[in-house]
Amino acid sequence: MSRARFFLTQELGAISPARLPLCAEDEHHATRVLRVEPGEELDVVAPSGEAFRVEVVGLSEAGVVARVVASLEPSWYPRVTLFQGVAKGEKMDSIVRQAVEVGAAGIVPVFTSRSIVRLDERKRAERGSRWRRIAESASKQSRRECVVGVADPVGFSAAVELLGTYDRVLVLWEDHMGDLLSDAARSAFADSEASVAVVVGPEGGLSAEEVSALSATGAVVASLGPSIMRTETAAVVSIALVIAAALGVKAACER
């Protein structure tokens, strides 16, 4: 049986055993839903990213008391960030949640020329906060090694600038007649340590001008084949395909 994983609100102190610094929601989940008991082991992740296996030694009104059993070494995982054209309504919530579940390392919402949603600065920050809460919940549910970050929404020009910090950029475009995304992903991860960004448009996709601008920076344009997918489907399928390709390349290199 896999151990439950919790993200701590602060670093573990030098004293062990000690009360685990959990948020109220996680404390309730541990004590009232999971009903953890003394002797049970949990995985916890500190804000620094350090992970530990701890053993519950007691429960009190103050919370869960545990002792550190071992430090956990981070496992290798492909670094794939989703640059997602902002979609309307609950679609974006779904994209964030499922992209985290399938393994995205981060998410950058982007306002493109075909984005239906337009937000002022205050609402951009509010949406960013909402999406971060969703990402945190999904990170816990899918036992990610850290809370997946979601940036505040940015414009297309700012996104192009950010994309310049990645080793490889893959652009999903339904009108592309060449490379399939799965093939482009395998090439992108010829270096298993590469940081890769995947760009997916909103409803209606990216414009030809946006694709041209991205291509001019060295981004590789690819497609998912002949089927036209909804943006919320395309985003999740794209991240899953790229991560699967990266894991396949890594496994082949280790044989």
C-alpha atoms as a PDB file:
ATOM      1  CA  MET A   1       0.000   0.000   0.000  1.00  0.00           C
ATOM      2  CA  SER A   2       1.431   3.391  -0.967  1.00  0.00           C
ATOM      3  CA  ARG A   3       2.066   5.974   1.714  1.00  0.00           C
ATOM      4  CA  ALA A   4       0.012   9.167   1.854  1.00  0.00           C
ATOM      5  CA  ARG A   5       1.959  12.304   0.920  1.00  0.00           C
ATOM      6  CA  PHE A   6       1.631  15.734   2.520  1.00  0.00           C
ATOM      7  CA  PHE A   7       3.218  19.087   1.728  1.00  0.00           C
ATOM      8  CA  LEU A   8       4.439  20.878   4.852  1.00  0.00           C
ATOM      9  CA  THR A   9       3.846  24.569   5.493  1.00  0.00           C
ATOM     10  CA  GLN A  10       7.364  25.033   6.895  1.00  0.00           C
ATOM     11  CA  GLU A  11      10.657  23.177   7.206  1.00  0.00           C
ATOM     12  CA  LEU A  12      10.995  20.358   9.717  1.00  0.00           C
ATOM     13  CA  GLY A  13      12.954  21.378  12.784  1.00  0.00           C
ATOM     14  CA  ALA A  14      15.936  19.577  14.251  1.00  0.00           C
ATOM     15  CA  ILE A  15      13.835  18.088  17.047  1.00  0.00           C
ATOM     16  CA  SER A  16      12.249  14.712  16.304  1.00  0.00           C
ATOM     17  CA  PRO A  17       9.601  13.596  17.033  1.00  0.00           C
ATOM     18  CA  ALA A  18       7.644  16.821  16.575  1.00  0.00           C
ATOM     19  CA  ARG A  19       4.292  18.085  15.338  1.00  0.00           C
ATOM     20  CA  LEU A  20       4.070  18.071  11.549  1.00  0.00           C
ATOM     21  CA  PRO A  21       3.480  21.601  10.211  1.00  0.00           C
ATOM     22  CA  LEU A  22       0.396  20.878   8.104  1.00  0.00           C
ATOM     23  CA  CYS A  23      -2.242  23.280   6.851  1.00  0.00           C
ATOM     24  CA  ALA A  24      -5.668  22.928   8.499  1.00  0.00           C
ATOM     25  CA  GLU A  25      -7.104  21.105   5.473  1.00  0.00           C
ATOM     26  CA  ASP A  26      -4.304  18.523   5.424  1.00  0.00           C
ATOM     27  CA  GLU A  27      -4.441  18.072   9.171  1.00  0.00           C
ATOM     28  CA  HIS A  28      -8.153  17.331   8.920  1.00  0.00           C
ATOM     29  CA  HIS A  29      -7.528  14.945   6.019  1.00  0.00           C
ATOM     30  CA  ALA A  30      -4.828  13.078   7.945  1.00  0.00           C
ATOM     31  CA  THR A  31      -6.698  12.772  11.223  1.00  0.00           C
ATOM     32  CA  ARG A  32     -10.367  12.627  10.195  1.00  0.00           C
ATOM     33  CA  VAL A  33     -10.349  11.133   6.698  1.00  0.00           C
ATOM     34  CA  LEU A  34      -7.280   8.873   6.591  1.00  0.00           C
ATOM     35  CA  ARG A  35      -7.402   8.419  10.369  1.00  0.00           C
ATOM     36  CA  VAL A  36      -3.661   7.918  10.648  1.00  0.00           C
ATOM     37  CA  GLU A  37      -2.522   5.953  13.676  1.00  0.00           C
ATOM     38  CA  PRO A  38       0.731   5.618  15.625  1.00  0.00           C
ATOM     39  CA  GLY A  39       3.159   3.390  13.746  1.00  0.00           C
ATOM     40  CA  GLU A  40       1.826   4.437  10.344  1.00  0.00           C
ATOM     41  CA  GLU A  41       4.318   5.934   7.886  1.00  0.00           C
ATOM     42  CA  LEU A  42       3.772   9.017   5.713  1.00  0.00           C
ATOM     43  CA  ASP A  43       5.758  10.888   3.089  1.00  0.00           C
ATOM     44  CA  VAL A  44       6.149  14.616   3.686  1.00  0.00           C
ATOM     45  CA  VAL A  45       7.676  17.317   1.497  1.00  0.00           C
ATOM     46  CA  ALA A  46       9.123  20.515   2.964  1.00  0.00           C
ATOM     47  CA  PRO A  47       8.844  23.917   1.192  1.00  0.00           C
ATOM     48  CA  SER A  48      12.513  23.541   0.186  1.00  0.00           C
ATOM     49  CA  GLY A  49      11.582  20.430  -1.804  1.00  0.00           C
ATOM     50  CA  GLU A  50      13.285  18.017   0.603  1.00  0.00           C
ATOM     51  CA  ALA A  51      11.199  14.896   1.160  1.00  0.00           C
ATOM     52  CA  PHE A  52      11.117  12.583   4.174  1.00  0.00           C
ATOM     53  CA  ARG A  53       9.475   9.389   5.324  1.00  0.00           C
ATOM     54  CA  VAL A  54       8.079   9.879   8.806  1.00  0.00           C
ATOM     55  CA  GLU A  55       6.446   7.595  11.340  1.00  0.00           C
ATOM     56  CA  VAL A  56       3.433   8.803  13.278  1.00  0.00           C
ATOM     57  CA  VAL A  57       4.124   8.482  16.993  1.00  0.00           C
ATOM     58  CA  GLY A  58       1.024  10.166  18.339  1.00  0.00           C
ATOM     59  CA  LEU A  59      -1.974  12.416  17.797  1.00  0.00           C
ATOM     60  CA  SER A  60      -2.881  15.400  19.906  1.00  0.00           C
ATOM     61  CA  GLU A  61      -5.107  18.455  19.788  1.00  0.00           C
ATOM     62  CA  ALA A  62      -2.119  20.236  18.264  1.00  0.00           C
ATOM     63  CA  GLY A  63      -2.010  17.794  15.350  1.00  0.00           C
ATOM     64  CA  VAL A  64       0.028  14.845  14.083  1.00  0.00           C
ATOM     65  CA  VAL A  65       3.267  14.091  15.923  1.00  0.00           C
ATOM     66  CA  ALA A  66       5.861  12.149  13.939  1.00  0.00           C
ATOM     67  CA  ARG A  67       9.533  11.277  13.791  1.00  0.00           C
ATOM     68  CA  VAL A  68      11.747  11.286  10.705  1.00  0.00           C
ATOM     69  CA  VAL A  69      12.592   7.767   9.528  1.00  0.00           C
ATOM     70  CA  ALA A  70      14.531   8.564   6.364  1.00  0.00           C
ATOM     71  CA  SER A  71      15.290  11.191   3.760  1.00  0.00           C
ATOM     72  CA  LEU A  72      13.824  10.445   0.337  1.00  0.00           C
ATOM     73  CA  GLU A  73      15.951  10.899  -2.751  1.00  0.00           C
ATOM     74  CA  PRO A  74      14.187  12.706  -5.607  1.00  0.00           C
ATOM     75  CA  SER A  75      13.493  10.468  -8.582  1.00  0.00           C
ATOM     76  CA  TRP A  76      14.298  11.514 -12.145  1.00  0.00           C
ATOM     77  CA  TYR A  77      11.346  12.898 -14.041  1.00  0.00           C
ATOM     78  CA  PRO A  78      11.175  14.821 -17.328  1.00  0.00           C
ATOM     79  CA  ARG A  79      10.884  18.587 -16.985  1.00  0.00           C
ATOM     80  CA  VAL A  80       7.926  19.468 -19.187  1.00  0.00           C
ATOM     81  CA  THR A  81       6.129  22.794 -18.787  1.00  0.00           C
ATOM     82  CA  LEU A  82       2.763  23.525 -20.381  1.00  0.00           C
ATOM     83  CA  PHE A  83       2.264  26.953 -21.969  1.00  0.00           C
ATOM     84  CA  GLN A  84      -1.504  26.932 -22.353  1.00  0.00           C
ATOM     85  CA  GLY A  85      -3.641  29.420 -24.254  1.00  0.00           C
ATOM     86  CA  VAL A  86      -6.177  30.625 -21.687  1.00  0.00           C
ATOM     87  CA  ALA A  87      -9.467  28.771 -22.191  1.00  0.00           C
ATOM     88  CA  LYS A  88     -12.862  29.952 -21.017  1.00  0.00           C
ATOM     89  CA  GLY A  89     -14.957  28.835 -18.071  1.00  0.00           C
ATOM     90  CA  GLU A  90     -14.080  25.674 -16.219  1.00  0.00           C
ATOM     91  CA  LYS A  91     -11.977  24.346 -19.097  1.00  0.00           C
ATOM     92  CA  MET A  92      -8.871  26.016 -17.711  1.00  0.00           C
ATOM     93  CA  ASP A  93      -9.497  24.527 -14.267  1.00  0.00           C
ATOM     94  CA  SER A  94      -9.697  21.094 -15.859  1.00  0.00           C
ATOM     95  CA  ILE A  95      -6.533  21.660 -17.913  1.00  0.00           C
ATOM     96  CA  VAL A  96      -4.544  22.688 -14.835  1.00  0.00           C
ATOM     97  CA  ARG A  97      -5.789  19.768 -12.761  1.00  0.00           C
ATOM     98  CA  GLN A  98      -5.196  17.098 -15.380  1.00  0.00           C
ATOM     99  CA  ALA A  99      -1.885  18.490 -16.631  1.00  0.00           C
ATOM    100  CA  VAL A 100      -0.574  18.213 -13.071  1.00  0.00           C
ATOM    101  CA  GLU A 101      -1.946  14.678 -12.759  1.00  0.00           C
ATOM    102  CA  VAL A 102      -0.187  13.475 -15.918  1.00  0.00           C
ATOM    103  CA  GLY A 103       3.129  15.026 -14.908  1.00  0.00           C
ATOM    104  CA  ALA A 104       3.571  18.649 -16.020  1.00  0.00           C
ATOM    105  CA  ALA A 105       6.412  20.349 -14.122  1.00  0.00           C
ATOM    106  CA  GLY A 106       4.753  23.753 -14.379  1.00  0.00           C
ATOM    107  CA  ILE A 107       1.975  25.634 -16.169  1.00  0.00           C
ATOM    108  CA  VAL A 108       2.065  29.085 -17.777  1.00  0.00           C
ATOM    109  CA  PRO A 109      -1.351  30.415 -18.884  1.00  0.00           C
ATOM    110  CA  VAL A 110      -0.996  32.583 -22.014  1.00  0.00           C
ATOM    111  CA  PHE A 111      -3.354  35.113 -23.580  1.00  0.00           C
ATOM    112  CA  THR A 112      -3.162  34.573 -27.330  1.00  0.00           C
ATOM    113  CA  SER A 113      -4.964  36.341 -30.171  1.00  0.00           C
ATOM    114  CA  ARG A 114      -7.782  33.777 -30.068  1.00  0.00           C
ATOM    115  CA  SER A 115      -8.235  33.659 -26.300  1.00  0.00           C
ATOM    116  CA  ILE A 116     -11.876  34.454 -25.604  1.00  0.00           C
ATOM    117  CA  VAL A 117     -11.219  35.354 -21.967  1.00  0.00           C
ATOM    118  CA  ARG A 118      -9.808  38.838 -21.266  1.00  0.00           C
ATOM    119  CA  LEU A 119      -8.863  39.809 -17.710  1.00  0.00           C
ATOM    120  CA  ASP A 120      -7.590  42.964 -16.064  1.00  0.00           C
ATOM    121  CA  GLU A 121      -4.510  42.818 -13.844  1.00  0.00           C
ATOM    122  CA  ARG A 122      -6.478  42.165 -10.656  1.00  0.00           C
ATOM    123  CA  LYS A 123      -8.493  39.338 -12.181  1.00  0.00           C
ATOM    124  CA  ARG A 124      -5.369  37.829 -13.705  1.00  0.00           C
ATOM    125  CA  ALA A 125      -3.879  37.569 -10.224  1.00  0.00           C
ATOM    126  CA  GLU A 126      -7.132  36.117  -8.864  1.00  0.00           C
ATOM    127  CA  ARG A 127      -7.276  33.464 -11.585  1.00  0.00           C
ATOM    128  CA  GLY A 128      -3.608  32.679 -11.028  1.00  0.00           C
ATOM    129  CA  SER A 129      -4.301  32.107  -7.322  1.00  0.00           C
ATOM    130  CA  ARG A 130      -7.278  29.896  -8.125  1.00  0.00           C
ATOM    131  CA  TRP A 131      -5.271  27.770 -10.563  1.00  0.00           C
ATOM    132  CA  ARG A 132      -2.455  27.426  -8.032  1.00  0.00           C
ATOM    133  CA  ARG A 133      -4.908  26.058  -5.471  1.00  0.00           C
ATOM    134  CA  ILE A 134      -6.148  23.545  -8.027  1.00  0.00           C
ATOM    135  CA  ALA A 135      -2.559  22.580  -8.885  1.00  0.00           C
ATOM    136  CA  GLU A 136      -1.717  22.083  -5.212  1.00  0.00           C
ATOM    137  CA  SER A 137      -4.724  19.820  -4.723  1.00  0.00           C
ATOM    138  CA  ALA A 138      -3.838  17.821  -7.846  1.00  0.00           C
ATOM    139  CA  SER A 139      -0.195  17.584  -6.728  1.00  0.00           C
ATOM    140  CA  LYS A 140      -1.331  15.972  -3.478  1.00  0.00           C
ATOM    141  CA  GLN A 141      -3.790  13.637  -5.170  1.00  0.00           C
ATOM    142  CA  SER A 142      -1.260  12.409  -7.733  1.00  0.00           C
ATOM    143  CA  ARG A 143       1.595  12.158  -5.207  1.00  0.00           C
ATOM    144  CA  ARG A 144       3.861  14.597  -7.011  1.00  0.00           C
ATOM    145  CA  GLU A 145       7.243  15.206  -5.404  1.00  0.00           C
ATOM    146  CA  CYS A 146       6.524  18.927  -5.115  1.00  0.00           C
ATOM    147  CA  VAL A 147       3.627  21.317  -5.602  1.00  0.00           C
ATOM    148  CA  VAL A 148       3.437  22.124  -9.312  1.00  0.00           C
ATOM    149  CA  GLY A 149       3.662  25.861  -9.921  1.00  0.00           C
ATOM    150  CA  VAL A 150       1.196  27.873 -12.006  1.00  0.00           C
ATOM    151  CA  ALA A 151       2.243  31.340 -13.155  1.00  0.00           C
ATOM    152  CA  ASP A 152      -0.070  34.325 -13.368  1.00  0.00           C
ATOM    153  CA  PRO A 153      -1.389  34.620 -16.956  1.00  0.00           C
ATOM    154  CA  VAL A 154       0.937  36.413 -19.398  1.00  0.00           C
ATOM    155  CA  GLY A 155       0.573  37.901 -22.862  1.00  0.00           C
ATOM    156  CA  PHE A 156       1.931  36.221 -25.970  1.00  0.00           C
ATOM    157  CA  SER A 157       5.047  38.419 -26.230  1.00  0.00           C
ATOM    158  CA  ALA A 158       5.957  37.712 -22.598  1.00  0.00           C
ATOM    159  CA  ALA A 159       5.404  34.004 -23.221  1.00  0.00           C
ATOM    160  CA  VAL A 160       7.796  34.041 -26.189  1.00  0.00           C
ATOM    161  CA  GLU A 161      10.421  35.640 -23.959  1.00  0.00           C
ATOM    162  CA  LEU A 162       9.900  33.001 -21.260  1.00  0.00           C
ATOM    163  CA  LEU A 163      10.113  30.218 -23.817  1.00  0.00           C
ATOM    164  CA  GLY A 164      13.626  31.380 -24.631  1.00  0.00           C
ATOM    165  CA  THR A 165      14.766  29.992 -21.267  1.00  0.00           C
ATOM    166  CA  TYR A 166      13.882  26.389 -22.241  1.00  0.00           C
ATOM    167  CA  ASP A 167      16.186  23.948 -24.017  1.00  0.00           C
ATOM    168  CA  ARG A 168      13.449  22.785 -26.395  1.00  0.00           C
ATOM    169  CA  VAL A 169      10.053  24.206 -27.345  1.00  0.00           C
ATOM    170  CA  LEU A 170       7.346  22.092 -28.989  1.00  0.00           C
ATOM    171  CA  VAL A 171       4.355  23.893 -30.508  1.00  0.00           C
ATOM    172  CA  LEU A 172       1.122  22.009 -31.057  1.00  0.00           C
ATOM    173  CA  TRP A 173      -0.687  23.187 -34.195  1.00  0.00           C
ATOM    174  CA  GLU A 174      -3.565  21.350 -35.779  1.00  0.00           C
ATOM    175  CA  ASP A 175      -2.785  22.723 -39.268  1.00  0.00           C
ATOM    176  CA  HIS A 176       0.746  21.317 -39.275  1.00  0.00           C
ATOM    177  CA  MET A 177       1.269  18.576 -41.853  1.00  0.00           C
ATOM    178  CA  GLY A 178       4.722  17.405 -40.782  1.00  0.00           C
ATOM    179  CA  ASP A 179       6.124  15.972 -37.548  1.00  0.00           C
ATOM    180  CA  LEU A 180       3.934  14.220 -35.019  1.00  0.00           C
ATOM    181  CA  LEU A 181       4.330  15.435 -31.451  1.00  0.00           C
ATOM    182  CA  SER A 182       5.463  12.010 -30.233  1.00  0.00           C
ATOM    183  CA  ASP A 183       8.367  11.992 -32.721  1.00  0.00           C
ATOM    184  CA  ALA A 184       9.336  15.584 -31.935  1.00  0.00           C
ATOM    185  CA  ALA A 185       9.292  14.752 -28.218  1.00  0.00           C
ATOM    186  CA  ARG A 186      11.724  11.869 -28.614  1.00  0.00           C
ATOM    187  CA  SER A 187      14.139  14.172 -30.424  1.00  0.00           C
ATOM    188  CA  ALA A 188      13.697  16.873 -27.785  1.00  0.00           C
ATOM    189  CA  PHE A 189      14.772  14.462 -25.054  1.00  0.00           C
ATOM    190  CA  ALA A 190      17.907  13.209 -26.785  1.00  0.00           C
ATOM    191  CA  ASP A 191      19.377  14.954 -23.732  1.00  0.00           C
ATOM    192  CA  SER A 192      17.369  13.511 -20.856  1.00  0.00           C
ATOM    193  CA  GLU A 193      18.088  16.551 -18.686  1.00  0.00           C
ATOM    194  CA  ALA A 194      16.599  18.993 -21.207  1.00  0.00           C
ATOM    195  CA  SER A 195      13.895  21.393 -20.096  1.00  0.00           C
ATOM    196  CA  VAL A 196      11.020  21.219 -22.566  1.00  0.00           C
ATOM    197  CA  ALA A 197       8.047  23.536 -23.050  1.00  0.00           C
ATOM    198  CA  VAL A 198       4.870  22.494 -24.853  1.00  0.00           C
ATOM    199  CA  VAL A 199       2.709  25.274 -26.319  1.00  0.00           C
ATOM    200  CA  VAL A 200      -1.012  24.613 -26.815  1.00  0.00           C
ATOM    201  CA  GLY A 201      -3.500  27.162 -28.123  1.00  0.00           C
ATOM    202  CA  PRO A 202      -6.911  28.040 -26.655  1.00  0.00           C
ATOM    203  CA  GLU A 203     -10.253  27.352 -28.361  1.00  0.00           C
ATOM    204  CA  GLY A 204      -9.582  27.928 -32.054  1.00  0.00           C
ATOM    205  CA  GLY A 205      -5.888  27.150 -31.658  1.00  0.00           C
ATOM    206  CA  LEU A 206      -2.895  29.373 -32.312  1.00  0.00           C
ATOM    207  CA  SER A 207      -2.931  31.761 -35.257  1.00  0.00           C
ATOM    208  CA  ALA A 208      -0.587  31.252 -38.204  1.00  0.00           C
ATOM    209  CA  GLU A 209       1.220  34.457 -37.180  1.00  0.00           C
ATOM    210  CA  GLU A 210       1.808  33.158 -33.651  1.00  0.00           C
ATOM    211  CA  VAL A 211       3.083  29.824 -34.924  1.00  0.00           C
ATOM    212  CA  SER A 212       5.400  31.648 -37.327  1.00  0.00           C
ATOM    213  CA  ALA A 213       6.737  33.825 -34.491  1.00  0.00           C
ATOM    214  CA  LEU A 214       7.414  30.763 -32.342  1.00  0.00           C
ATOM    215  CA  SER A 215       8.994  28.862 -35.214  1.00  0.00           C
ATOM    216  CA  ALA A 216      11.338  31.797 -35.848  1.00  0.00           C
ATOM    217  CA  THR A 217      12.768  31.344 -32.334  1.00  0.00           C
ATOM    218  CA  GLY A 218      13.673  27.710 -33.063  1.00  0.00           C
ATOM    219  CA  ALA A 219      10.523  26.073 -31.720  1.00  0.00           C
ATOM    220  CA  VAL A 220       9.493  22.792 -33.354  1.00  0.00           C
ATOM    221  CA  VAL A 221       5.939  22.723 -34.702  1.00  0.00           C
ATOM    222  CA  ALA A 222       4.104  19.389 -34.516  1.00  0.00           C
ATOM    223  CA  SER A 223       0.615  17.905 -34.484  1.00  0.00           C
ATOM    224  CA  LEU A 224      -1.358  15.135 -32.814  1.00  0.00           C
ATOM    225  CA  GLY A 225      -2.438  13.669 -36.149  1.00  0.00           C
ATOM    226  CA  PRO A 226      -5.582  14.125 -38.237  1.00  0.00           C
ATOM    227  CA  SER A 227      -8.095  14.373 -35.379  1.00  0.00           C
ATOM    228  CA  ILE A 228      -9.023  17.849 -34.143  1.00  0.00           C
ATOM    229  CA  MET A 229      -9.257  17.882 -30.354  1.00  0.00           C
ATOM    230  CA  ARG A 230     -10.720  20.328 -27.886  1.00  0.00           C
ATOM    231  CA  THR A 231      -8.041  22.434 -26.225  1.00  0.00           C
ATOM    232  CA  GLU A 232      -8.638  20.766 -22.854  1.00  0.00           C
ATOM    233  CA  THR A 233      -8.121  17.364 -24.488  1.00  0.00           C
ATOM    234  CA  ALA A 234      -5.138  18.410 -26.602  1.00  0.00           C
ATOM    235  CA  ALA A 235      -3.303  19.902 -23.620  1.00  0.00           C
ATOM    236  CA  VAL A 236      -3.492  16.763 -21.498  1.00  0.00           C
ATOM    237  CA  VAL A 237      -2.775  14.384 -24.385  1.00  0.00           C
ATOM    238  CA  SER A 238       0.232  16.500 -25.402  1.00  0.00           C
ATOM    239  CA  ILE A 239       1.802  16.525 -21.940  1.00  0.00           C
ATOM    240  CA  ALA A 240       1.190  12.795 -21.516  1.00  0.00           C
ATOM    241  CA  LEU A 241       2.730  12.011 -24.924  1.00  0.00           C
ATOM    242  CA  VAL A 242       5.811  14.136 -24.321  1.00  0.00           C
ATOM    243  CA  ILE A 243       6.430  12.667 -20.868  1.00  0.00           C
ATOM    244  CA  ALA A 244       5.911   9.117 -22.155  1.00  0.00           C
ATOM    245  CA  ALA A 245       8.400   9.784 -24.962  1.00  0.00           C
ATOM    246  CA  ALA A 246      10.940  11.167 -22.491  1.00  0.00           C
ATOM    247  CA  LEU A 247      10.578   8.182 -20.169  1.00  0.00           C
ATOM    248  CA  GLY A 248      10.971   5.857 -23.145  1.00  0.00           C
ATOM    249  CA  VAL A 249      14.183   7.568 -24.266  1.00  0.00           C
ATOM    250  CA  LYS A 250      15.543   7.437 -20.715  1.00  0.00           C
ATOM    251  CA  ALA A 251      14.728   3.735 -20.362  1.00  0.00           C
ATOM    252  CA  ALA A 252      16.347   2.923 -23.716  1.00  0.00           C
ATOM    253  CA  CYS A 253      19.540   4.731 -22.704  1.00  0.00           C
ATOM    254  CA  GLU A 254      19.750   2.743 -19.473  1.00  0.00           C
ATOM    255  CA  ARG A 255      19.417  -0.693 -21.099  1.00  0.00           C
END
